[in-house]
Amino acid sequence: MLGLAAPAYADYTSPIYPTLKACNDARPKYASSWTKPQACHPMYNWDGTKVIGYAFLVKTQG
């Protein structure tokens, strides 16, 4: 029996960068014909009291 598989597109989060500048500098490396990096945003520690770095969402597009 043949089935239709969904395309393998999944959004993912970048590694955490130590500074906002490092995060913004890394964003172009994630841009391609099928991926689009979003804006950098702060990442917090487990209880939300301290910024531990910056990351961004990489959106995939079909």
Protein backbone atom coordinates (compact mmCIF):
# COMPACT_ATOMS: atom_id res chain seq x y z
CA MET A 1 0.00 0.00 0.00
CA LEU A 2 1.33 3.41 -0.92
CA GLY A 3 0.93 6.40 1.34
CA LEU A 4 1.66 10.06 0.92
CA ALA A 5 4.42 11.34 3.15
CA ALA A 6 4.33 14.88 4.44
CA PRO A 7 7.21 17.07 3.31
CA ALA A 8 10.12 17.12 5.72
CA TYR A 9 9.84 20.78 6.64
CA ALA A 10 10.26 21.67 10.27
CA ASP A 11 11.05 24.96 11.94
CA TYR A 12 13.91 24.87 14.40
CA THR A 13 15.75 27.11 16.82
CA SER A 14 19.32 28.18 16.23
CA PRO A 15 22.10 27.53 18.75
CA ILE A 16 22.24 30.05 21.59
CA TYR A 17 24.71 32.88 20.97
CA PRO A 18 26.33 34.80 23.83
CA THR A 19 25.48 38.29 22.54
CA LEU A 20 22.83 39.89 20.37
CA LYS A 21 25.52 40.94 17.90
CA ALA A 22 26.80 37.36 17.55
CA CYS A 23 23.22 36.18 17.03
CA ASN A 24 22.54 38.77 14.33
CA ASP A 25 25.89 38.03 12.66
CA ALA A 26 24.98 34.32 12.44
CA ARG A 27 21.52 34.80 10.92
CA PRO A 28 22.65 35.11 7.25
CA LYS A 29 24.31 31.67 7.51
CA TYR A 30 20.85 30.15 8.00
CA ALA A 31 19.23 31.86 5.00
CA SER A 32 18.70 29.73 1.91
CA SER A 33 16.10 29.10 -0.74
CA TRP A 34 14.14 26.99 1.76
CA THR A 35 15.00 28.50 5.14
CA LYS A 36 14.42 31.98 6.52
CA PRO A 37 15.90 33.08 9.85
CA GLN A 38 13.60 35.16 12.05
CA ALA A 39 14.63 37.94 14.46
CA CYS A 40 16.92 37.21 17.40
CA HIS A 41 15.30 37.07 20.81
CA PRO A 42 16.65 36.63 24.34
CA MET A 43 16.80 33.14 25.85
CA TYR A 44 16.26 32.94 29.60
CA ASN A 45 17.39 30.56 32.31
CA TRP A 46 14.98 27.98 33.72
CA ASP A 47 13.01 30.39 35.88
CA GLY A 48 13.03 33.35 33.50
CA THR A 49 15.14 35.66 35.64
CA LYS A 50 18.35 35.90 33.61
CA VAL A 51 19.15 36.20 29.90
CA ILE A 52 21.58 33.40 29.04
CA GLY A 53 22.03 34.29 25.37
CA TYR A 54 20.18 34.95 22.13
CA ALA A 55 18.67 32.67 19.52
CA PHE A 56 16.33 32.83 16.55
CA LEU A 57 13.76 30.64 14.88
CA VAL A 58 14.63 29.28 11.44
CA LYS A 59 11.46 28.90 9.37
CA THR A 60 11.38 26.42 6.53
CA GLN A 61 9.37 27.22 3.44
CA GLY A 62 8.09 24.81 0.83
